[in-house]
């Protein structure tokens, strides 16, 4: 029979590993959500630009500074389609592209959230095993 102390160390190791994995997936979930929100904001910005062509837009310069600009042709949008490849699309095509990416991100969010839930379930099981092992150790030997 394995030593109870070794069992507890192994269980604690698993609990720590699951916790670290859950933390990594939680950060990944936050990054996906941030990208999804940015894509939604971009869609709203494109819609606003095409709806009111005379309205100025704010162009971020960095360091918290912006300048008002007038967009000459708001129907020509430059879109990063991946691997730093940028293509020109109409605003409708750019919106459709971003909506597709948002759908992909939402599916990814569900998968990552499911993985986090599985890890938490495993963590709860390991925590119960640790408690059980402690309880057995504390019982008087008969």
N, C-alpha and C. Protein backbone atom coordinates (compact mmCIF):
# COMPACT_ATOMS: atom_id res chain seq x y z
N UNK A 1 0.84 -1.19 0.00
CA UNK A 1 0.00 0.00 0.00
C UNK A 1 0.88 1.25 0.00
N UNK A 2 0.49 2.24 -0.75
CA UNK A 2 1.26 3.47 -0.86
C UNK A 2 1.20 4.26 0.43
N UNK A 3 2.24 4.98 0.69
CA UNK A 3 2.30 5.83 1.88
C UNK A 3 1.27 6.95 1.75
N UNK A 4 0.51 7.22 2.82
CA UNK A 4 -0.48 8.29 2.77
C UNK A 4 0.15 9.65 2.44
N UNK A 5 1.36 9.88 2.95
CA UNK A 5 2.04 11.15 2.70
C UNK A 5 2.34 11.31 1.20
N UNK A 6 2.76 10.22 0.55
CA UNK A 6 3.03 10.26 -0.88
C UNK A 6 1.73 10.47 -1.66
N UNK A 7 0.66 9.83 -1.21
CA UNK A 7 -0.64 10.02 -1.84
C UNK A 7 -1.06 11.49 -1.78
N UNK A 8 -0.89 12.09 -0.61
CA UNK A 8 -1.28 13.49 -0.43
C UNK A 8 -0.43 14.41 -1.30
N UNK A 9 0.85 14.12 -1.39
CA UNK A 9 1.73 14.95 -2.22
C UNK A 9 1.33 14.85 -3.70
N UNK A 10 1.03 13.63 -4.15
CA UNK A 10 0.62 13.43 -5.54
C UNK A 10 -0.70 14.14 -5.80
N UNK A 11 -1.65 14.01 -4.88
CA UNK A 11 -2.94 14.67 -5.05
C UNK A 11 -2.79 16.19 -5.06
N UNK A 12 -1.94 16.70 -4.18
CA UNK A 12 -1.72 18.15 -4.13
C UNK A 12 -1.06 18.63 -5.42
N UNK A 13 -0.14 17.81 -5.95
CA UNK A 13 0.50 18.14 -7.23
C UNK A 13 -0.56 18.24 -8.33
N UNK A 14 -1.45 17.24 -8.41
CA UNK A 14 -2.51 17.26 -9.42
C UNK A 14 -3.42 18.47 -9.24
N UNK A 15 -3.76 18.77 -8.00
CA UNK A 15 -4.63 19.92 -7.74
C UNK A 15 -3.97 21.21 -8.21
N UNK A 16 -2.67 21.36 -7.94
CA UNK A 16 -1.94 22.55 -8.38
C UNK A 16 -1.87 22.62 -9.90
N UNK A 17 -1.60 21.50 -10.55
CA UNK A 17 -1.52 21.46 -12.02
C UNK A 17 -2.86 21.84 -12.64
N UNK A 18 -3.94 21.27 -12.13
CA UNK A 18 -5.27 21.60 -12.65
C UNK A 18 -5.56 23.09 -12.45
N UNK A 19 -5.16 23.62 -11.30
CA UNK A 19 -5.37 25.04 -11.02
C UNK A 19 -4.61 25.92 -12.00
N UNK A 20 -3.37 25.56 -12.30
CA UNK A 20 -2.57 26.34 -13.25
C UNK A 20 -3.19 26.27 -14.65
N UNK A 21 -3.63 25.07 -15.05
CA UNK A 21 -4.25 24.93 -16.36
C UNK A 21 -5.53 25.76 -16.44
N UNK A 22 -6.33 25.74 -15.37
CA UNK A 22 -7.57 26.52 -15.35
C UNK A 22 -7.26 28.02 -15.48
N UNK A 23 -6.20 28.46 -14.84
CA UNK A 23 -5.79 29.87 -14.91
C UNK A 23 -5.38 30.24 -16.34
N UNK A 24 -4.63 29.37 -16.99
CA UNK A 24 -4.21 29.62 -18.38
C UNK A 24 -5.42 29.72 -19.29
N UNK A 25 -6.35 28.78 -19.14
CA UNK A 25 -7.55 28.81 -19.98
C UNK A 25 -8.42 30.03 -19.67
N UNK A 26 -8.45 30.46 -18.41
CA UNK A 26 -9.23 31.65 -18.05
C UNK A 26 -8.65 32.89 -18.72
N UNK A 27 -7.32 32.99 -18.77
CA UNK A 27 -6.68 34.13 -19.45
C UNK A 27 -6.97 34.07 -20.95
N UNK A 28 -6.94 32.86 -21.51
CA UNK A 28 -7.25 32.70 -22.93
C UNK A 28 -8.69 33.14 -23.20
N UNK A 29 -9.60 32.78 -22.32
CA UNK A 29 -11.00 33.17 -22.47
C UNK A 29 -11.14 34.70 -22.44
N UNK A 30 -10.41 35.36 -21.55
CA UNK A 30 -10.44 36.82 -21.47
C UNK A 30 -9.93 37.45 -22.76
N UNK A 31 -8.85 36.89 -23.33
CA UNK A 31 -8.30 37.44 -24.58
C UNK A 31 -9.29 37.27 -25.74
N UNK A 32 -9.93 36.13 -25.81
CA UNK A 32 -10.92 35.89 -26.86
C UNK A 32 -12.07 36.88 -26.72
N UNK A 33 -12.53 37.07 -25.50
CA UNK A 33 -13.64 38.00 -25.25
C UNK A 33 -13.23 39.42 -25.65
N UNK A 34 -12.00 39.81 -25.33
CA UNK A 34 -11.54 41.16 -25.69
C UNK A 34 -11.52 41.34 -27.21
N UNK A 35 -11.04 40.33 -27.92
CA UNK A 35 -11.01 40.40 -29.39
C UNK A 35 -12.43 40.46 -29.96
N UNK A 36 -13.34 39.72 -29.35
CA UNK A 36 -14.73 39.72 -29.81
C UNK A 36 -15.33 41.12 -29.62
N UNK A 37 -15.08 41.73 -28.48
CA UNK A 37 -15.60 43.07 -28.20
C UNK A 37 -15.00 44.08 -29.18
N UNK A 38 -13.70 43.96 -29.47
CA UNK A 38 -13.05 44.86 -30.44
C UNK A 38 -13.69 44.70 -31.83
N UNK A 39 -14.00 43.48 -32.20
CA UNK A 39 -14.61 43.24 -33.52
C UNK A 39 -16.01 43.84 -33.58
N UNK A 40 -16.77 43.70 -32.50
CA UNK A 40 -18.10 44.31 -32.45
C UNK A 40 -18.00 45.83 -32.55
N UNK A 41 -17.01 46.41 -31.87
CA UNK A 41 -16.82 47.86 -31.93
C UNK A 41 -16.43 48.29 -33.34
N UNK A 42 -15.61 47.51 -34.01
CA UNK A 42 -15.20 47.83 -35.38
C UNK A 42 -16.41 47.80 -36.31
N UNK A 43 -17.27 46.82 -36.13
CA UNK A 43 -18.48 46.73 -36.96
C UNK A 43 -19.34 47.98 -36.75
N UNK A 44 -19.54 48.36 -35.49
CA UNK A 44 -20.33 49.55 -35.20
C UNK A 44 -19.70 50.79 -35.81
N UNK A 45 -18.37 50.88 -35.73
CA UNK A 45 -17.66 52.02 -36.32
C UNK A 45 -17.85 52.08 -37.83
N UNK A 46 -17.74 50.94 -38.49
CA UNK A 46 -17.93 50.92 -39.95
C UNK A 46 -19.36 51.31 -40.32
N UNK A 47 -20.31 50.81 -39.57
CA UNK A 47 -21.71 51.17 -39.84
C UNK A 47 -21.93 52.67 -39.66
N UNK A 48 -21.35 53.24 -38.61
CA UNK A 48 -21.51 54.68 -38.35
C UNK A 48 -20.85 55.50 -39.45
N UNK A 49 -19.67 55.08 -39.91
CA UNK A 49 -18.97 55.81 -40.97
C UNK A 49 -19.75 55.81 -42.28
N UNK A 50 -20.34 54.67 -42.62
CA UNK A 50 -21.07 54.60 -43.89
C UNK A 50 -22.44 55.25 -43.78
N UNK A 51 -23.01 55.30 -42.58
CA UNK A 51 -24.32 55.91 -42.39
C UNK A 51 -24.25 57.43 -42.49
N UNK A 52 -23.19 58.01 -41.93
CA UNK A 52 -23.04 59.47 -41.94
C UNK A 52 -21.65 59.81 -42.45
N UNK A 53 -21.55 59.95 -43.75
CA UNK A 53 -20.25 60.15 -44.40
C UNK A 53 -19.60 61.49 -44.04
N UNK A 54 -20.38 62.44 -43.55
CA UNK A 54 -19.83 63.75 -43.19
C UNK A 54 -19.34 63.81 -41.75
N UNK A 55 -19.63 62.81 -40.98
CA UNK A 55 -19.25 62.80 -39.57
C UNK A 55 -17.76 62.48 -39.43
N UNK A 56 -17.05 63.23 -38.58
CA UNK A 56 -15.62 62.93 -38.40
C UNK A 56 -15.44 61.67 -37.55
N UNK A 57 -14.29 61.06 -37.73
CA UNK A 57 -13.92 59.89 -36.93
C UNK A 57 -12.72 60.28 -36.07
N UNK A 58 -12.51 59.55 -34.98
CA UNK A 58 -11.35 59.79 -34.13
C UNK A 58 -10.27 58.78 -34.50
N UNK A 59 -9.09 59.29 -34.79
CA UNK A 59 -7.95 58.45 -35.14
C UNK A 59 -6.98 58.45 -33.98
N UNK A 60 -6.81 57.29 -33.32
CA UNK A 60 -5.86 57.24 -32.20
C UNK A 60 -4.42 57.40 -32.70
N UNK A 61 -3.66 58.25 -32.05
CA UNK A 61 -2.27 58.47 -32.40
C UNK A 61 -1.32 57.75 -31.44
N UNK A 62 -1.84 57.32 -30.32
CA UNK A 62 -1.02 56.68 -29.29
C UNK A 62 -0.89 57.59 -28.09
N UNK A 63 -0.56 57.01 -26.97
CA UNK A 63 -0.37 57.80 -25.76
C UNK A 63 -1.63 58.48 -25.28
N UNK A 64 -2.78 57.95 -25.66
CA UNK A 64 -4.04 58.52 -25.22
C UNK A 64 -4.44 59.76 -26.01
N UNK A 65 -3.80 60.00 -27.16
CA UNK A 65 -4.14 61.16 -27.97
C UNK A 65 -4.87 60.71 -29.24
N UNK A 66 -5.74 61.60 -29.73
CA UNK A 66 -6.52 61.31 -30.93
C UNK A 66 -6.66 62.59 -31.75
N UNK A 67 -6.99 62.40 -33.00
CA UNK A 67 -7.25 63.52 -33.88
C UNK A 67 -8.53 63.22 -34.64
N UNK A 68 -9.32 64.27 -34.89
CA UNK A 68 -10.53 64.10 -35.70
C UNK A 68 -10.11 64.06 -37.16
N UNK A 69 -10.64 63.09 -37.88
CA UNK A 69 -10.34 62.98 -39.31
C UNK A 69 -11.63 62.78 -40.07
N UNK A 70 -11.59 63.14 -41.31
CA UNK A 70 -12.71 62.88 -42.20
C UNK A 70 -12.28 61.73 -43.10
N UNK A 71 -13.05 60.67 -43.11
CA UNK A 71 -12.72 59.49 -43.90
C UNK A 71 -13.19 59.73 -45.32
N UNK A 72 -12.23 59.71 -46.26
CA UNK A 72 -12.54 60.00 -47.65
C UNK A 72 -13.47 58.98 -48.28
N UNK A 73 -13.19 57.71 -48.07
CA UNK A 73 -14.02 56.66 -48.67
C UNK A 73 -14.25 55.58 -47.61
N UNK A 74 -15.29 55.74 -46.80
CA UNK A 74 -15.53 54.78 -45.71
C UNK A 74 -15.97 53.40 -46.20
N UNK A 75 -16.17 53.26 -47.51
CA UNK A 75 -16.57 51.95 -48.02
C UNK A 75 -15.36 51.10 -48.39
N UNK A 76 -14.17 51.66 -48.33
CA UNK A 76 -12.95 50.89 -48.58
C UNK A 76 -12.26 50.65 -47.25
N UNK A 77 -12.33 49.42 -46.79
CA UNK A 77 -11.80 49.05 -45.47
C UNK A 77 -10.62 48.12 -45.67
N UNK A 78 -9.55 48.35 -44.93
CA UNK A 78 -8.41 47.45 -44.96
C UNK A 78 -8.59 46.45 -43.82
N UNK A 79 -8.55 45.17 -44.17
CA UNK A 79 -8.84 44.10 -43.20
C UNK A 79 -7.64 43.18 -43.08
N UNK A 80 -7.21 42.94 -41.85
CA UNK A 80 -6.15 41.96 -41.59
C UNK A 80 -6.84 40.60 -41.55
N UNK A 81 -6.55 39.76 -42.55
CA UNK A 81 -7.22 38.46 -42.65
C UNK A 81 -6.42 37.35 -41.99
N UNK A 82 -5.31 37.70 -41.37
CA UNK A 82 -4.48 36.72 -40.67
C UNK A 82 -3.05 36.74 -41.17
N UNK A 83 -2.14 36.37 -40.31
CA UNK A 83 -0.71 36.34 -40.63
C UNK A 83 -0.23 37.67 -41.20
N UNK A 84 -0.79 38.76 -40.68
CA UNK A 84 -0.46 40.12 -41.12
C UNK A 84 -0.67 40.35 -42.61
N UNK A 85 -1.62 39.63 -43.20
CA UNK A 85 -2.02 39.85 -44.58
C UNK A 85 -3.21 40.80 -44.55
N UNK A 86 -3.05 41.94 -45.21
CA UNK A 86 -4.10 42.96 -45.20
C UNK A 86 -4.65 43.11 -46.61
N UNK A 87 -5.98 43.05 -46.70
CA UNK A 87 -6.66 43.17 -47.99
C UNK A 87 -7.71 44.28 -47.90
N UNK A 88 -8.01 44.85 -49.04
CA UNK A 88 -9.05 45.88 -49.08
C UNK A 88 -10.39 45.22 -49.36
N UNK A 89 -11.40 45.60 -48.60
CA UNK A 89 -12.75 45.09 -48.76
C UNK A 89 -13.73 46.25 -48.67
N UNK A 90 -14.93 46.03 -49.17
CA UNK A 90 -15.98 47.01 -48.95
C UNK A 90 -16.38 46.92 -47.48
N UNK A 91 -17.06 47.92 -46.99
CA UNK A 91 -17.46 47.86 -45.58
C UNK A 91 -18.39 46.67 -45.33
N UNK A 92 -19.26 46.37 -46.28
CA UNK A 92 -20.15 45.21 -46.13
C UNK A 92 -19.37 43.91 -46.04
N UNK A 93 -18.35 43.77 -46.90
CA UNK A 93 -17.51 42.56 -46.86
C UNK A 93 -16.71 42.49 -45.56
N UNK A 94 -16.22 43.64 -45.12
CA UNK A 94 -15.45 43.67 -43.87
C UNK A 94 -16.33 43.30 -42.68
N UNK A 95 -17.55 43.82 -42.69
CA UNK A 95 -18.49 43.50 -41.61
C UNK A 95 -18.81 42.00 -41.63
N UNK A 96 -19.06 41.45 -42.80
CA UNK A 96 -19.35 40.02 -42.91
C UNK A 96 -18.16 39.19 -42.42
N UNK A 97 -16.95 39.62 -42.78
CA UNK A 97 -15.74 38.92 -42.34
C UNK A 97 -15.66 38.93 -40.82
N UNK A 98 -15.85 40.11 -40.22
CA UNK A 98 -15.77 40.22 -38.76
C UNK A 98 -16.89 39.44 -38.08
N UNK A 99 -18.07 39.43 -38.65
CA UNK A 99 -19.16 38.65 -38.06
C UNK A 99 -18.82 37.16 -38.07
N UNK A 100 -18.18 36.71 -39.14
CA UNK A 100 -17.73 35.31 -39.19
C UNK A 100 -16.69 35.03 -38.12
N UNK A 101 -15.75 35.97 -37.93
CA UNK A 101 -14.73 35.81 -36.89
C UNK A 101 -15.38 35.81 -35.50
N UNK A 102 -16.39 36.66 -35.31
CA UNK A 102 -17.09 36.70 -34.02
C UNK A 102 -17.76 35.36 -33.75
N UNK A 103 -18.39 34.78 -34.76
CA UNK A 103 -19.01 33.46 -34.60
C UNK A 103 -17.97 32.41 -34.20
N UNK A 104 -16.81 32.46 -34.85
CA UNK A 104 -15.72 31.54 -34.50
C UNK A 104 -15.26 31.75 -33.07
N UNK A 105 -15.13 33.02 -32.66
CA UNK A 105 -14.68 33.33 -31.30
C UNK A 105 -15.71 32.86 -30.27
N UNK A 106 -16.99 33.02 -30.57
CA UNK A 106 -18.02 32.56 -29.64
C UNK A 106 -17.96 31.05 -29.47
N UNK A 107 -17.74 30.32 -30.56
CA UNK A 107 -17.60 28.86 -30.48
C UNK A 107 -16.36 28.50 -29.67
N UNK A 108 -15.27 29.24 -29.89
CA UNK A 108 -14.03 28.99 -29.14
C UNK A 108 -14.24 29.28 -27.66
N UNK A 109 -14.97 30.36 -27.36
CA UNK A 109 -15.26 30.69 -25.96
C UNK A 109 -16.02 29.56 -25.27
N UNK A 110 -16.98 28.97 -25.98
CA UNK A 110 -17.74 27.85 -25.41
C UNK A 110 -16.84 26.66 -25.13
N UNK A 111 -15.93 26.37 -26.07
CA UNK A 111 -15.02 25.23 -25.87
C UNK A 111 -14.08 25.48 -24.70
N UNK A 112 -13.54 26.67 -24.62
CA UNK A 112 -12.62 27.00 -23.53
C UNK A 112 -13.36 26.99 -22.19
N UNK A 113 -14.56 27.54 -22.16
CA UNK A 113 -15.35 27.53 -20.92
C UNK A 113 -15.67 26.11 -20.49
N UNK A 114 -15.96 25.24 -21.45
CA UNK A 114 -16.22 23.84 -21.15
C UNK A 114 -14.97 23.16 -20.57
N UNK A 115 -13.82 23.48 -21.13
CA UNK A 115 -12.56 22.92 -20.63
C UNK A 115 -12.31 23.39 -19.20
N UNK A 116 -12.57 24.67 -18.95
CA UNK A 116 -12.39 25.20 -17.59
C UNK A 116 -13.32 24.48 -16.62
N UNK A 117 -14.54 24.26 -17.04
CA UNK A 117 -15.51 23.56 -16.18
C UNK A 117 -15.05 22.13 -15.89
N UNK A 118 -14.52 21.45 -16.90
CA UNK A 118 -13.99 20.10 -16.70
C UNK A 118 -12.83 20.11 -15.72
N UNK A 119 -11.94 21.09 -15.85
CA UNK A 119 -10.82 21.19 -14.92
C UNK A 119 -11.30 21.44 -13.49
N UNK A 120 -12.30 22.29 -13.36
CA UNK A 120 -12.83 22.58 -12.02
C UNK A 120 -13.49 21.34 -11.41
N UNK A 121 -14.15 20.55 -12.25
CA UNK A 121 -14.75 19.30 -11.77
C UNK A 121 -13.65 18.34 -11.30
N UNK A 122 -12.57 18.26 -12.10
CA UNK A 122 -11.45 17.40 -11.71
C UNK A 122 -10.80 17.91 -10.42
N UNK A 123 -10.69 19.23 -10.30
CA UNK A 123 -10.11 19.81 -9.09
C UNK A 123 -10.97 19.48 -7.87
N UNK A 124 -12.27 19.55 -8.03
CA UNK A 124 -13.17 19.22 -6.92
C UNK A 124 -13.01 17.76 -6.52
N UNK A 125 -12.86 16.89 -7.52
CA UNK A 125 -12.66 15.47 -7.22
C UNK A 125 -11.36 15.22 -6.47
N UNK A 126 -10.29 15.89 -6.89
CA UNK A 126 -9.00 15.74 -6.21
C UNK A 126 -9.09 16.31 -4.80
N UNK A 127 -9.77 17.43 -4.65
CA UNK A 127 -9.92 18.03 -3.31
C UNK A 127 -10.68 17.08 -2.39
N UNK A 128 -11.70 16.39 -2.93
CA UNK A 128 -12.44 15.40 -2.11
C UNK A 128 -11.52 14.25 -1.71
N UNK A 129 -10.65 13.83 -2.66
CA UNK A 129 -9.71 12.74 -2.34
C UNK A 129 -8.74 13.18 -1.25
N UNK A 130 -8.28 14.42 -1.32
CA UNK A 130 -7.36 14.93 -0.29
C UNK A 130 -8.06 14.93 1.06
N UNK A 131 -9.29 15.42 1.10
CA UNK A 131 -10.05 15.45 2.36
C UNK A 131 -10.25 14.04 2.89
N UNK A 132 -10.57 13.11 2.01
CA UNK A 132 -10.78 11.72 2.41
C UNK A 132 -9.50 11.12 2.98
N UNK A 133 -8.38 11.42 2.34
CA UNK A 133 -7.10 10.90 2.82
C UNK A 133 -6.78 11.47 4.18
N UNK A 134 -6.99 12.76 4.38
CA UNK A 134 -6.77 13.37 5.69
C UNK A 134 -7.68 12.74 6.74
N UNK A 135 -8.93 12.51 6.38
CA UNK A 135 -9.90 11.93 7.32
C UNK A 135 -9.47 10.52 7.73
N UNK A 136 -8.97 9.74 6.77
CA UNK A 136 -8.49 8.38 7.10
C UNK A 136 -7.29 8.43 8.01
N UNK A 137 -6.42 9.41 7.81
CA UNK A 137 -5.22 9.53 8.65
C UNK A 137 -5.57 9.92 10.07
N UNK A 138 -6.62 10.70 10.22
CA UNK A 138 -7.00 11.19 11.55
C UNK A 138 -7.78 10.17 12.36
N UNK A 139 -8.37 9.16 11.68
CA UNK A 139 -9.12 8.14 12.40
C UNK A 139 -8.16 7.32 13.26
N UNK A 140 -8.61 6.97 14.46
CA UNK A 140 -7.76 6.13 15.31
C UNK A 140 -7.61 4.73 14.68
N UNK A 141 -6.37 4.25 14.70
CA UNK A 141 -6.10 2.93 14.15
C UNK A 141 -6.57 1.88 15.15
N UNK A 142 -7.29 0.90 14.63
CA UNK A 142 -7.86 -0.09 15.53
C UNK A 142 -7.43 -1.44 15.31
